[in-house]
PDB file of all heavy atoms in Angstrom:
ATOM      1  N   ARG A   1      96.728 103.757 109.088  1.00  0.00           N
ATOM      2  CA  ARG A   1      96.747 105.150 108.605  1.00  0.00           C
ATOM      3  C   ARG A   1      96.539 105.190 107.091  1.00  0.00           C
ATOM      4  O   ARG A   1      95.877 106.087 106.554  1.00  0.00           O
ATOM      5  CB  ARG A   1      98.072 105.823 108.953  1.00  0.00           C
ATOM      6  CG  ARG A   1      98.150 106.463 110.317  1.00  0.00           C
ATOM      7  CD  ARG A   1      98.205 105.458 111.435  1.00  0.00           C
ATOM      8  NE  ARG A   1      98.527 106.085 112.714  1.00  0.00           N
ATOM      9  CZ  ARG A   1      98.525 105.462 113.881  1.00  0.00           C
ATOM     10  NH1 ARG A   1      98.213 104.164 113.937  1.00  0.00           N
ATOM     11  NH2 ARG A   1      98.822 106.087 114.998  1.00  0.00           N
ATOM     12  N   LEU A   2      97.130 104.240 106.407  1.00  0.00           N
ATOM     13  CA  LEU A   2      96.995 104.167 104.949  1.00  0.00           C
ATOM     14  C   LEU A   2      95.528 104.058 104.553  1.00  0.00           C
ATOM     15  O   LEU A   2      95.044 104.758 103.658  1.00  0.00           O
ATOM     16  CB  LEU A   2      97.778 102.947 104.461  1.00  0.00           C
ATOM     17  CG  LEU A   2      98.187 102.843 103.007  1.00  0.00           C
ATOM     18  CD1 LEU A   2      99.130 103.972 102.622  1.00  0.00           C
ATOM     19  CD2 LEU A   2      98.866 101.502 102.753  1.00  0.00           C
ATOM     20  N   VAL A   3      94.801 103.182 105.245  1.00  0.00           N
ATOM     21  CA  VAL A   3      93.370 103.001 104.971  1.00  0.00           C
ATOM     22  C   VAL A   3      92.594 104.275 105.308  1.00  0.00           C
ATOM     23  O   VAL A   3      91.743 104.720 104.532  1.00  0.00           O
ATOM     24  CB  VAL A   3      92.814 101.806 105.766  1.00  0.00           C
ATOM     25  CG1 VAL A   3      91.302 101.724 105.643  1.00  0.00           C
ATOM     26  CG2 VAL A   3      93.463 100.505 105.299  1.00  0.00           C
ATOM     27  N   GLN A   4      92.900 104.886 106.461  1.00  0.00           N
ATOM     28  CA  GLN A   4      92.163 106.075 106.868  1.00  0.00           C
ATOM     29  C   GLN A   4      92.375 107.233 105.907  1.00  0.00           C
ATOM     30  O   GLN A   4      91.406 107.906 105.519  1.00  0.00           O
ATOM     31  CB  GLN A   4      92.572 106.507 108.276  1.00  0.00           C
ATOM     32  CG  GLN A   4      91.796 107.724 108.763  1.00  0.00           C
ATOM     33  CD  GLN A   4      91.951 107.989 110.239  1.00  0.00           C
ATOM     34  OE1 GLN A   4      92.793 108.776 110.645  1.00  0.00           O
ATOM     35  NE2 GLN A   4      91.117 107.338 111.061  1.00  0.00           N
ATOM     36  N   ILE A   5      93.605 107.468 105.500  1.00  0.00           N
ATOM     37  CA  ILE A   5      93.888 108.614 104.638  1.00  0.00           C
ATOM     38  C   ILE A   5      93.273 108.427 103.252  1.00  0.00           C
ATOM     39  O   ILE A   5      92.747 109.378 102.659  1.00  0.00           O
ATOM     40  CB  ILE A   5      95.403 108.862 104.556  1.00  0.00           C
ATOM     41  CG1 ILE A   5      95.925 109.356 105.909  1.00  0.00           C
ATOM     42  CG2 ILE A   5      95.747 109.879 103.475  1.00  0.00           C
ATOM     43  CD1 ILE A   5      95.241 110.609 106.440  1.00  0.00           C
ATOM     44  N   GLN A   6      93.279 107.205 102.710  1.00  0.00           N
ATOM     45  CA  GLN A   6      92.629 107.018 101.417  1.00  0.00           C
ATOM     46  C   GLN A   6      91.117 107.162 101.536  1.00  0.00           C
ATOM     47  O   GLN A   6      90.457 107.648 100.610  1.00  0.00           O
ATOM     48  CB  GLN A   6      92.986 105.660 100.812  1.00  0.00           C
ATOM     49  CG  GLN A   6      92.495 105.547  99.370  1.00  0.00           C
ATOM     50  CD  GLN A   6      93.127 104.405  98.620  1.00  0.00           C
ATOM     51  OE1 GLN A   6      92.968 103.244  98.996  1.00  0.00           O
ATOM     52  NE2 GLN A   6      93.851 104.727  97.550  1.00  0.00           N
ATOM     53  N   THR A   7      90.552 106.799 102.684  1.00  0.00           N
ATOM     54  CA  THR A   7      89.130 107.020 102.914  1.00  0.00           C
ATOM     55  C   THR A   7      88.802 108.504 102.869  1.00  0.00           C
ATOM     56  O   THR A   7      87.766 108.912 102.320  1.00  0.00           O
ATOM     57  CB  THR A   7      88.707 106.426 104.275  1.00  0.00           C
ATOM     58  OG1 THR A   7      88.992 105.032 104.295  1.00  0.00           O
ATOM     59  CG2 THR A   7      87.219 106.632 104.531  1.00  0.00           C
ATOM     60  N   VAL A   8      89.679 109.333 103.422  1.00  0.00           N
ATOM     61  CA  VAL A   8      89.495 110.784 103.338  1.00  0.00           C
ATOM     62  C   VAL A   8      89.513 111.224 101.880  1.00  0.00           C
ATOM     63  O   VAL A   8      88.642 111.987 101.429  1.00  0.00           O
ATOM     64  CB  VAL A   8      90.575 111.534 104.141  1.00  0.00           C
ATOM     65  CG1 VAL A   8      90.420 113.050 103.959  1.00  0.00           C
ATOM     66  CG2 VAL A   8      90.513 111.177 105.617  1.00  0.00           C
ATOM     67  N   GLY A   9      90.495 110.744 101.127  1.00  0.00           N
ATOM     68  CA  GLY A   9      90.588 111.118  99.716  1.00  0.00           C
ATOM     69  C   GLY A   9      89.351 110.723  98.924  1.00  0.00           C
ATOM     70  O   GLY A   9      88.859 111.484  98.082  1.00  0.00           O
ATOM     71  N   ASN A  10      88.815 109.534  99.204  1.00  0.00           N
ATOM     72  CA  ASN A  10      87.588 109.089  98.529  1.00  0.00           C
ATOM     73  C   ASN A  10      86.407 109.982  98.884  1.00  0.00           C
ATOM     74  O   ASN A  10      85.603 110.359  98.020  1.00  0.00           O
ATOM     75  CB  ASN A  10      87.254 107.654  98.919  1.00  0.00           C
ATOM     76  CG  ASN A  10      88.296 106.633  98.496  1.00  0.00           C
ATOM     77  OD1 ASN A  10      88.428 105.595  99.116  1.00  0.00           O
ATOM     78  ND2 ASN A  10      89.057 106.929  97.451  1.00  0.00           N
ATOM     79  N   THR A  11      86.295 110.332 100.172  1.00  0.00           N
ATOM     80  CA  THR A  11      85.158 111.113 100.652  1.00  0.00           C
ATOM     81  C   THR A  11      85.197 112.549 100.141  1.00  0.00           C
ATOM     82  O   THR A  11      84.162 113.110  99.734  1.00  0.00           O
ATOM     83  CB  THR A  11      85.120 111.105 102.188  1.00  0.00           C
ATOM     84  OG1 THR A  11      85.065 109.751 102.654  1.00  0.00           O
ATOM     85  CG2 THR A  11      83.923 111.872 102.727  1.00  0.00           C
ATOM     86  N   VAL A  12      86.377 113.143 100.132  1.00  0.00           N
ATOM     87  CA  VAL A  12      86.524 114.522  99.668  1.00  0.00           C
ATOM     88  C   VAL A  12      86.456 114.592  98.148  1.00  0.00           C
ATOM     89  O   VAL A  12      86.115 115.634  97.573  1.00  0.00           O
ATOM     90  CB  VAL A  12      87.839 115.131 100.204  1.00  0.00           C
ATOM     91  CG1 VAL A  12      88.044 116.555  99.701  1.00  0.00           C
ATOM     92  CG2 VAL A  12      87.847 115.115 101.732  1.00  0.00           C
ATOM     93  N   GLY A  13      86.774 113.494  97.488  1.00  0.00           N
ATOM     94  CA  GLY A  13      86.695 113.453  96.032  1.00  0.00           C
ATOM     95  C   GLY A  13      87.994 113.763  95.332  1.00  0.00           C
ATOM     96  O   GLY A  13      87.995 114.086  94.143  1.00  0.00           O
ATOM     97  N   THR A  14      89.127 113.635  96.042  1.00  0.00           N
ATOM     98  CA  THR A  14      90.422 113.918  95.430  1.00  0.00           C
ATOM     99  C   THR A  14      91.097 112.659  94.907  1.00  0.00           C
ATOM    100  O   THR A  14      92.167 112.744  94.308  1.00  0.00           O
ATOM    101  CB  THR A  14      91.348 114.626  96.428  1.00  0.00           C
ATOM    102  OG1 THR A  14      91.396 113.873  97.652  1.00  0.00           O
ATOM    103  CG2 THR A  14      90.862 116.040  96.716  1.00  0.00           C
ATOM    104  N   THR A  15      90.496 111.493  95.131  1.00  0.00           N
ATOM    105  CA  THR A  15      90.976 110.260  94.512  1.00  0.00           C
ATOM    106  C   THR A  15      89.807 109.289  94.387  1.00  0.00           C
ATOM    107  O   THR A  15      88.907 109.260  95.234  1.00  0.00           O
ATOM    108  CB  THR A  15      92.107 109.601  95.324  1.00  0.00           C
ATOM    109  OG1 THR A  15      92.582 108.439  94.607  1.00  0.00           O
ATOM    110  CG2 THR A  15      91.634 109.157  96.701  1.00  0.00           C
ATOM    111  N   SER A  16      89.849 108.490  93.313  1.00  0.00           N
ATOM    112  CA  SER A  16      88.868 107.421  93.136  1.00  0.00           C
ATOM    113  C   SER A  16      89.501 106.058  93.390  1.00  0.00           C
ATOM    114  O   SER A  16      88.829 105.031  93.322  1.00  0.00           O
ATOM    115  CB  SER A  16      88.283 107.463  91.718  1.00  0.00           C
ATOM    116  OG  SER A  16      89.315 107.330  90.746  1.00  0.00           O
ATOM    117  N   ASP A  17      90.806 106.075  93.704  1.00  0.00           N
ATOM    118  CA  ASP A  17      91.522 104.832  93.973  1.00  0.00           C
ATOM    119  C   ASP A  17      91.079 104.252  95.313  1.00  0.00           C
ATOM    120  O   ASP A  17      90.958 104.975  96.301  1.00  0.00           O
ATOM    121  CB  ASP A  17      93.031 105.113  94.007  1.00  0.00           C
ATOM    122  CG  ASP A  17      93.868 103.846  93.992  1.00  0.00           C
ATOM    123  OD1 ASP A  17      93.797 103.084  94.981  1.00  0.00           O
ATOM    124  OD2 ASP A  17      94.591 103.623  93.012  1.00  0.00           O
ATOM    125  N   THR A  18      90.805 102.955  95.354  1.00  0.00           N
ATOM    126  CA  THR A  18      90.386 102.301  96.594  1.00  0.00           C
ATOM    127  C   THR A  18      91.284 101.109  96.924  1.00  0.00           C
ATOM    128  O   THR A  18      90.851 100.142  97.540  1.00  0.00           O
ATOM    129  CB  THR A  18      88.921 101.843  96.514  1.00  0.00           C
ATOM    130  OG1 THR A  18      88.767 100.961  95.393  1.00  0.00           O
ATOM    131  CG2 THR A  18      87.979 103.027  96.371  1.00  0.00           C
ATOM    132  N   THR A  19      92.538 101.195  96.500  1.00  0.00           N
ATOM    133  CA  THR A  19      93.470 100.091  96.727  1.00  0.00           C
ATOM    134  C   THR A  19      93.499  99.665  98.183  1.00  0.00           C
ATOM    135  O   THR A  19      93.538  98.474  98.498  1.00  0.00           O
ATOM    136  CB  THR A  19      94.889 100.489  96.280  1.00  0.00           C
ATOM    137  OG1 THR A  19      94.873 100.779  94.873  1.00  0.00           O
ATOM    138  CG2 THR A  19      95.890  99.371  96.545  1.00  0.00           C
ATOM    139  N   TYR A  20      93.474 100.638  99.092  1.00  0.00           N
ATOM    140  CA  TYR A  20      93.562 100.327 100.522  1.00  0.00           C
ATOM    141  C   TYR A  20      92.240 100.578 101.257  1.00  0.00           C
ATOM    142  O   TYR A  20      91.867  99.804 102.136  1.00  0.00           O
ATOM    143  CB  TYR A  20      94.688 101.138 101.160  1.00  0.00           C
ATOM    144  CG  TYR A  20      96.029 100.866 100.508  1.00  0.00           C
ATOM    145  CD1 TYR A  20      96.589 101.767  99.604  1.00  0.00           C
ATOM    146  CD2 TYR A  20      96.706  99.685 100.771  1.00  0.00           C
ATOM    147  CE1 TYR A  20      97.805 101.495  98.986  1.00  0.00           C
ATOM    148  CE2 TYR A  20      97.923  99.407 100.155  1.00  0.00           C
ATOM    149  CZ  TYR A  20      98.466 100.320  99.257  1.00  0.00           C
ATOM    150  OH  TYR A  20      99.660 100.040  98.640  1.00  0.00           O
ATOM    151  N   SER A  21      91.541 101.646 100.892  1.00  0.00           N
ATOM    152  CA  SER A  21      90.290 101.958 101.582  1.00  0.00           C
ATOM    153  C   SER A  21      89.217 100.914 101.318  1.00  0.00           C
ATOM    154  O   SER A  21      88.263 100.783 102.083  1.00  0.00           O
ATOM    155  CB  SER A  21      89.775 103.344 101.167  1.00  0.00           C
ATOM    156  OG  SER A  21      89.553 103.390  99.767  1.00  0.00           O
ATOM    157  N   GLY A  22      89.366 100.146 100.230  1.00  0.00           N
ATOM    158  CA  GLY A  22      88.401  99.107  99.915  1.00  0.00           C
ATOM    159  C   GLY A  22      88.668  97.791 100.615  1.00  0.00           C
ATOM    160  O   GLY A  22      87.959  96.809 100.386  1.00  0.00           O
ATOM    161  N   LEU A  23      89.695  97.773 101.459  1.00  0.00           N
ATOM    162  CA  LEU A  23      90.078  96.537 102.143  1.00  0.00           C
ATOM    163  C   LEU A  23      89.701  96.577 103.616  1.00  0.00           C
ATOM    164  O   LEU A  23      89.609  97.637 104.225  1.00  0.00           O
ATOM    165  CB  LEU A  23      91.583  96.299 102.002  1.00  0.00           C
ATOM    166  CG  LEU A  23      92.133  96.212 100.574  1.00  0.00           C
ATOM    167  CD1 LEU A  23      93.625  95.931 100.599  1.00  0.00           C
ATOM    168  CD2 LEU A  23      91.401  95.156  99.754  1.00  0.00           C
ATOM    169  N   GLU A  24      89.530  95.401 104.175  1.00  0.00           N
ATOM    170  CA  GLU A  24      89.216  95.240 105.594  1.00  0.00           C
ATOM    171  C   GLU A  24      90.493  94.920 106.361  1.00  0.00           C
ATOM    172  O   GLU A  24      91.301  94.087 105.926  1.00  0.00           O
ATOM    173  CB  GLU A  24      88.220  94.098 105.772  1.00  0.00           C
ATOM    174  CG  GLU A  24      87.907  93.753 107.207  1.00  0.00           C
ATOM    175  CD  GLU A  24      87.072  92.488 107.355  1.00  0.00           C
ATOM    176  OE1 GLU A  24      86.836  91.797 106.335  1.00  0.00           O
ATOM    177  OE2 GLU A  24      86.650  92.184 108.496  1.00  0.00           O
ATOM    178  N   LEU A  25      90.681  95.577 107.487  1.00  0.00           N
ATOM    179  CA  LEU A  25      91.801  95.263 108.378  1.00  0.00           C
ATOM    180  C   LEU A  25      91.396  94.076 109.251  1.00  0.00           C
ATOM    181  O   LEU A  25      90.437  94.152 110.019  1.00  0.00           O
ATOM    182  CB  LEU A  25      92.135  96.468 109.252  1.00  0.00           C
ATOM    183  CG  LEU A  25      92.775  97.664 108.524  1.00  0.00           C
ATOM    184  CD1 LEU A  25      92.429  98.966 109.232  1.00  0.00           C
ATOM    185  CD2 LEU A  25      94.282  97.497 108.450  1.00  0.00           C
ATOM    186  N   VAL A  26      92.112  92.975 109.124  1.00  0.00           N
ATOM    187  CA  VAL A  26      91.809  91.754 109.869  1.00  0.00           C
ATOM    188  C   VAL A  26      92.889  91.558 110.928  1.00  0.00           C
ATOM    189  O   VAL A  26      94.052  91.292 110.605  1.00  0.00           O
ATOM    190  CB  VAL A  26      91.729  90.536 108.939  1.00  0.00           C
ATOM    191  CG1 VAL A  26      91.387  89.275 109.725  1.00  0.00           C
ATOM    192  CG2 VAL A  26      90.707  90.782 107.823  1.00  0.00           C
ATOM    193  N   ASN A  27      92.523  91.720 112.184  1.00  0.00           N
ATOM    194  CA  ASN A  27      93.492  91.666 113.279  1.00  0.00           C
ATOM    195  C   ASN A  27      93.999  90.243 113.506  1.00  0.00           C
ATOM    196  O   ASN A  27      93.353  89.261 113.138  1.00  0.00           O
ATOM    197  CB  ASN A  27      92.860  92.215 114.561  1.00  0.00           C
ATOM    198  CG  ASN A  27      93.888  92.517 115.626  1.00  0.00           C
ATOM    199  OD1 ASN A  27      95.010  92.913 115.323  1.00  0.00           O
ATOM    200  ND2 ASN A  27      93.531  92.317 116.887  1.00  0.00           N
ATOM    201  N   ASP A  28      95.146  90.143 114.162  1.00  0.00           N
ATOM    202  CA  ASP A  28      95.780  88.845 114.391  1.00  0.00           C
ATOM    203  C   ASP A  28      94.931  87.884 115.216  1.00  0.00           C
ATOM    204  O   ASP A  28      95.116  86.667 115.157  1.00  0.00           O
ATOM    205  CB  ASP A  28      97.135  89.034 115.077  1.00  0.00           C
ATOM    206  CG  ASP A  28      97.000  89.659 116.455  1.00  0.00           C
ATOM    207  OD1 ASP A  28      96.843  90.896 116.540  1.00  0.00           O
ATOM    208  OD2 ASP A  28      97.037  88.927 117.453  1.00  0.00           O
ATOM    209  N   ASP A  29      93.993  88.407 116.022  1.00  0.00           N
ATOM    210  CA  ASP A  29      93.158  87.531 116.846  1.00  0.00           C
ATOM    211  C   ASP A  29      91.844  87.155 116.164  1.00  0.00           C
ATOM    212  O   ASP A  29      90.986  86.510 116.763  1.00  0.00           O
ATOM    213  CB  ASP A  29      92.875  88.172 118.204  1.00  0.00           C
ATOM    214  CG  ASP A  29      92.048  89.462 118.098  1.00  0.00           C
ATOM    215  OD1 ASP A  29      91.887  89.977 116.968  1.00  0.00           O
ATOM    216  OD2 ASP A  29      91.590  89.956 119.140  1.00  0.00           O
ATOM    217  N   ASP A  30      91.669  87.544 114.894  1.00  0.00           N
ATOM    218  CA  ASP A  30      90.449  87.203 114.166  1.00  0.00           C
ATOM    219  C   ASP A  30      90.422  85.686 113.930  1.00  0.00           C
ATOM    220  O   ASP A  30      91.432  85.097 113.510  1.00  0.00           O
ATOM    221  CB  ASP A  30      90.428  87.956 112.826  1.00  0.00           C
ATOM    222  CG  ASP A  30      89.082  87.876 112.136  1.00  0.00           C
ATOM    223  OD1 ASP A  30      88.730  86.773 111.675  1.00  0.00           O
ATOM    224  OD2 ASP A  30      88.387  88.911 112.053  1.00  0.00           O
ATOM    225  N   PRO A  31      89.278  85.029 114.174  1.00  0.00           N
ATOM    226  CA  PRO A  31      89.216  83.566 114.004  1.00  0.00           C
ATOM    227  C   PRO A  31      89.456  83.104 112.573  1.00  0.00           C
ATOM    228  O   PRO A  31      89.731  81.918 112.344  1.00  0.00           O
ATOM    229  CB  PRO A  31      87.793  83.222 114.474  1.00  0.00           C
ATOM    230  CG  PRO A  31      87.029  84.500 114.400  1.00  0.00           C
ATOM    231  CD  PRO A  31      88.018  85.575 114.702  1.00  0.00           C
ATOM    232  N   ARG A  32      89.392  84.008 111.595  1.00  0.00           N
ATOM    233  CA  ARG A  32      89.672  83.627 110.216  1.00  0.00           C
ATOM    234  C   ARG A  32      91.158  83.372 109.978  1.00  0.00           C
ATOM    235  O   ARG A  32      91.533  82.744 108.985  1.00  0.00           O
ATOM    236  CB  ARG A  32      89.150  84.703 109.258  1.00  0.00           C
ATOM    237  CG  ARG A  32      87.638  84.770 109.162  1.00  0.00           C
ATOM    238  CD  ARG A  32      87.182  85.965 108.356  1.00  0.00           C
ATOM    239  NE  ARG A  32      87.411  87.219 109.075  1.00  0.00           N
ATOM    240  CZ  ARG A  32      87.152  88.429 108.569  1.00  0.00           C
ATOM    241  NH1 ARG A  32      86.676  88.546 107.326  1.00  0.00           N
ATOM    242  NH2 ARG A  32      87.360  89.510 109.288  1.00  0.00           N
TER     243      ARG A  32
END
């Protein structure tokens, strides 16, 4: 949710912060 909501803020133009929206969610089953 944190990533999604900051993505909304970036898209609408109410924040330029990308602390979370600029990150990739890597699930526990990812081979990395």
